[in-house]
Amino acid sequence: MDNEYGIIVDVQFHKSSTVIRWDTSVENDFEDWLGMWGPFVQMGGKIIDPNYQFKYINDDGTLKDF
């Protein structure tokens, strides 16, 4: 979304969470889009190529070791 990339992680802050871990160097850069997948997509969010290489995070949402 707006040239920001992230991954949906299985973190249950709420029963119907959609938690996105953004690809930043910030250790806890999670955002809870509680039941808002529709608006996320309407705002330009989309699923990227599964082979996309994140800069700061691994495919499971953990920070890469530098």
N, C-alpha and C. Protein backbone atom coordinates (compact mmCIF):
# COMPACT_ATOMS: atom_id res chain seq x y z
N MET A 1 0.84 -1.17 0.00
CA MET A 1 0.00 0.00 0.00
C MET A 1 0.89 1.24 0.00
N ASP A 2 0.77 2.09 -0.98
CA ASP A 2 1.60 3.29 -1.10
C ASP A 2 3.09 2.96 -1.02
N ASN A 3 3.51 1.92 -1.72
CA ASN A 3 4.90 1.46 -1.74
C ASN A 3 5.41 1.00 -0.39
N GLU A 4 4.50 0.61 0.50
CA GLU A 4 4.86 -0.02 1.77
C GLU A 4 4.47 -1.48 1.65
N TYR A 5 5.31 -2.34 2.17
CA TYR A 5 5.07 -3.76 2.06
C TYR A 5 5.02 -4.39 3.44
N GLY A 6 4.26 -5.44 3.54
CA GLY A 6 4.13 -6.14 4.81
C GLY A 6 3.60 -7.54 4.57
N ILE A 7 3.43 -8.25 5.65
CA ILE A 7 2.93 -9.62 5.58
C ILE A 7 1.86 -9.79 6.65
N ILE A 8 0.83 -10.55 6.31
CA ILE A 8 -0.20 -10.86 7.31
C ILE A 8 0.38 -11.94 8.21
N VAL A 9 0.35 -11.67 9.50
CA VAL A 9 0.88 -12.63 10.47
C VAL A 9 -0.25 -13.16 11.32
N ASP A 10 -0.03 -14.31 11.93
CA ASP A 10 -1.05 -14.96 12.74
C ASP A 10 -0.92 -14.52 14.19
N VAL A 11 -1.15 -13.24 14.43
CA VAL A 11 -1.15 -12.69 15.78
C VAL A 11 -2.58 -12.34 16.10
N GLN A 12 -3.12 -12.85 17.18
CA GLN A 12 -4.53 -12.65 17.49
C GLN A 12 -4.73 -11.60 18.58
N PHE A 13 -4.61 -10.31 18.22
CA PHE A 13 -4.91 -9.26 19.18
C PHE A 13 -6.41 -9.25 19.48
N HIS A 14 -7.20 -9.62 18.50
CA HIS A 14 -8.65 -9.73 18.61
C HIS A 14 -9.06 -11.02 17.92
N LYS A 15 -10.27 -11.47 18.21
CA LYS A 15 -10.75 -12.74 17.65
C LYS A 15 -10.72 -12.74 16.11
N SER A 16 -11.09 -11.63 15.49
CA SER A 16 -11.14 -11.59 14.01
C SER A 16 -10.07 -10.66 13.44
N SER A 17 -8.87 -10.74 13.97
CA SER A 17 -7.78 -9.86 13.55
C SER A 17 -7.28 -10.14 12.14
N THR A 18 -6.84 -9.11 11.50
CA THR A 18 -5.97 -9.18 10.34
C THR A 18 -4.79 -8.31 10.72
N VAL A 19 -3.71 -8.93 11.16
CA VAL A 19 -2.55 -8.19 11.64
C VAL A 19 -1.49 -8.17 10.54
N ILE A 20 -1.02 -6.97 10.22
CA ILE A 20 0.01 -6.80 9.22
C ILE A 20 1.31 -6.41 9.90
N ARG A 21 2.38 -7.11 9.56
CA ARG A 21 3.73 -6.77 10.03
C ARG A 21 4.38 -6.04 8.87
N TRP A 22 4.61 -4.74 9.03
CA TRP A 22 5.17 -3.92 7.97
C TRP A 22 6.67 -4.16 7.84
N ASP A 23 7.18 -4.07 6.63
CA ASP A 23 8.59 -4.31 6.32
C ASP A 23 9.41 -3.06 6.66
N THR A 24 9.65 -2.86 7.95
CA THR A 24 10.47 -1.76 8.44
C THR A 24 11.46 -2.32 9.46
N SER A 25 12.42 -1.51 9.85
CA SER A 25 13.40 -1.95 10.84
C SER A 25 12.88 -1.80 12.27
N VAL A 26 11.68 -1.25 12.44
CA VAL A 26 11.08 -1.09 13.77
C VAL A 26 10.66 -2.46 14.29
N GLU A 27 11.12 -2.81 15.48
CA GLU A 27 10.91 -4.15 16.02
C GLU A 27 9.44 -4.55 16.13
N ASN A 28 8.58 -3.65 16.52
CA ASN A 28 7.16 -3.97 16.74
C ASN A 28 6.26 -3.22 15.77
N ASP A 29 6.56 -3.25 14.49
CA ASP A 29 5.77 -2.52 13.51
C ASP A 29 4.61 -3.38 13.00
N PHE A 30 3.67 -3.65 13.90
CA PHE A 30 2.46 -4.41 13.58
C PHE A 30 1.29 -3.45 13.54
N GLU A 31 0.33 -3.73 12.69
CA GLU A 31 -0.87 -2.91 12.62
C GLU A 31 -2.07 -3.85 12.53
N ASP A 32 -3.04 -3.65 13.40
CA ASP A 32 -4.22 -4.51 13.45
C ASP A 32 -5.33 -3.89 12.62
N TRP A 33 -5.70 -4.56 11.55
CA TRP A 33 -6.78 -4.11 10.68
C TRP A 33 -8.02 -4.92 11.01
N LEU A 34 -8.43 -4.90 12.26
CA LEU A 34 -9.55 -5.68 12.78
C LEU A 34 -10.75 -5.63 11.84
N GLY A 35 -11.02 -6.73 11.16
CA GLY A 35 -12.18 -6.84 10.29
C GLY A 35 -12.19 -5.84 9.15
N MET A 36 -11.02 -5.33 8.75
CA MET A 36 -10.99 -4.27 7.75
C MET A 36 -10.27 -4.69 6.48
N TRP A 37 -10.31 -5.96 6.13
CA TRP A 37 -9.65 -6.39 4.90
C TRP A 37 -10.25 -5.69 3.68
N GLY A 38 -11.58 -5.56 3.63
CA GLY A 38 -12.24 -4.87 2.52
C GLY A 38 -11.75 -3.45 2.34
N PRO A 39 -11.79 -2.61 3.40
CA PRO A 39 -11.27 -1.25 3.25
C PRO A 39 -9.78 -1.21 2.92
N PHE A 40 -9.00 -2.15 3.43
CA PHE A 40 -7.58 -2.21 3.11
C PHE A 40 -7.39 -2.35 1.60
N VAL A 41 -8.14 -3.27 1.00
CA VAL A 41 -8.04 -3.48 -0.44
C VAL A 41 -8.57 -2.26 -1.19
N GLN A 42 -9.66 -1.66 -0.72
CA GLN A 42 -10.23 -0.48 -1.37
C GLN A 42 -9.26 0.71 -1.33
N MET A 43 -8.41 0.77 -0.31
CA MET A 43 -7.43 1.85 -0.18
C MET A 43 -6.18 1.60 -1.02
N GLY A 44 -6.13 0.48 -1.73
CA GLY A 44 -4.99 0.20 -2.59
C GLY A 44 -4.14 -0.97 -2.13
N GLY A 45 -4.47 -1.56 -1.00
CA GLY A 45 -3.71 -2.71 -0.52
C GLY A 45 -3.94 -3.89 -1.45
N LYS A 46 -2.89 -4.64 -1.69
CA LYS A 46 -3.03 -5.80 -2.56
C LYS A 46 -2.03 -6.87 -2.16
N ILE A 47 -2.27 -8.05 -2.64
CA ILE A 47 -1.37 -9.17 -2.38
C ILE A 47 -0.27 -9.11 -3.42
N ILE A 48 0.97 -9.17 -2.95
CA ILE A 48 2.13 -9.08 -3.84
C ILE A 48 2.60 -10.47 -4.25
N ASP A 49 3.51 -10.50 -5.17
CA ASP A 49 4.11 -11.74 -5.65
C ASP A 49 4.66 -12.53 -4.46
N PRO A 50 4.33 -13.81 -4.36
CA PRO A 50 4.81 -14.61 -3.22
C PRO A 50 6.33 -14.74 -3.15
N ASN A 51 7.03 -14.42 -4.22
CA ASN A 51 8.50 -14.48 -4.22
C ASN A 51 9.14 -13.15 -3.87
N TYR A 52 8.33 -12.16 -3.48
CA TYR A 52 8.86 -10.85 -3.12
C TYR A 52 9.84 -10.99 -1.95
N GLN A 53 10.96 -10.30 -2.03
CA GLN A 53 11.98 -10.35 -0.97
C GLN A 53 11.85 -9.10 -0.10
N PHE A 54 11.45 -9.29 1.14
CA PHE A 54 11.35 -8.17 2.08
C PHE A 54 12.73 -7.69 2.47
N LYS A 55 12.82 -6.41 2.76
CA LYS A 55 14.12 -5.81 3.11
C LYS A 55 14.46 -6.07 4.58
N TYR A 56 13.50 -5.91 5.50
CA TYR A 56 13.77 -5.97 6.94
C TYR A 56 13.19 -7.19 7.64
N ILE A 57 12.18 -7.82 7.04
CA ILE A 57 11.50 -8.93 7.73
C ILE A 57 11.60 -10.22 6.91
N ASN A 58 11.46 -11.33 7.64
CA ASN A 58 11.38 -12.65 7.01
C ASN A 58 9.93 -12.91 6.64
N ASP A 59 9.69 -13.99 5.91
CA ASP A 59 8.33 -14.32 5.49
C ASP A 59 7.37 -14.62 6.64
N ASP A 60 7.91 -14.90 7.84
CA ASP A 60 7.04 -15.14 8.99
C ASP A 60 6.82 -13.88 9.83
N GLY A 61 7.37 -12.75 9.40
CA GLY A 61 7.17 -11.48 10.10
C GLY A 61 8.24 -11.15 11.13
N THR A 62 9.21 -12.03 11.32
CA THR A 62 10.30 -11.73 12.26
C THR A 62 11.32 -10.85 11.57
N LEU A 63 12.07 -10.07 12.37
CA LEU A 63 13.11 -9.22 11.81
C LEU A 63 14.27 -10.07 11.30
N LYS A 64 14.83 -9.65 10.17
CA LYS A 64 16.03 -10.32 9.66
C LYS A 64 17.22 -9.95 10.53
N ASP A 65 18.18 -10.85 10.61
CA ASP A 65 19.43 -10.58 11.30
C ASP A 65 20.37 -9.87 10.33
N PHE A 66 20.93 -8.75 10.76
CA PHE A 66 21.86 -8.01 9.91
C PHE A 66 23.25 -8.11 10.48
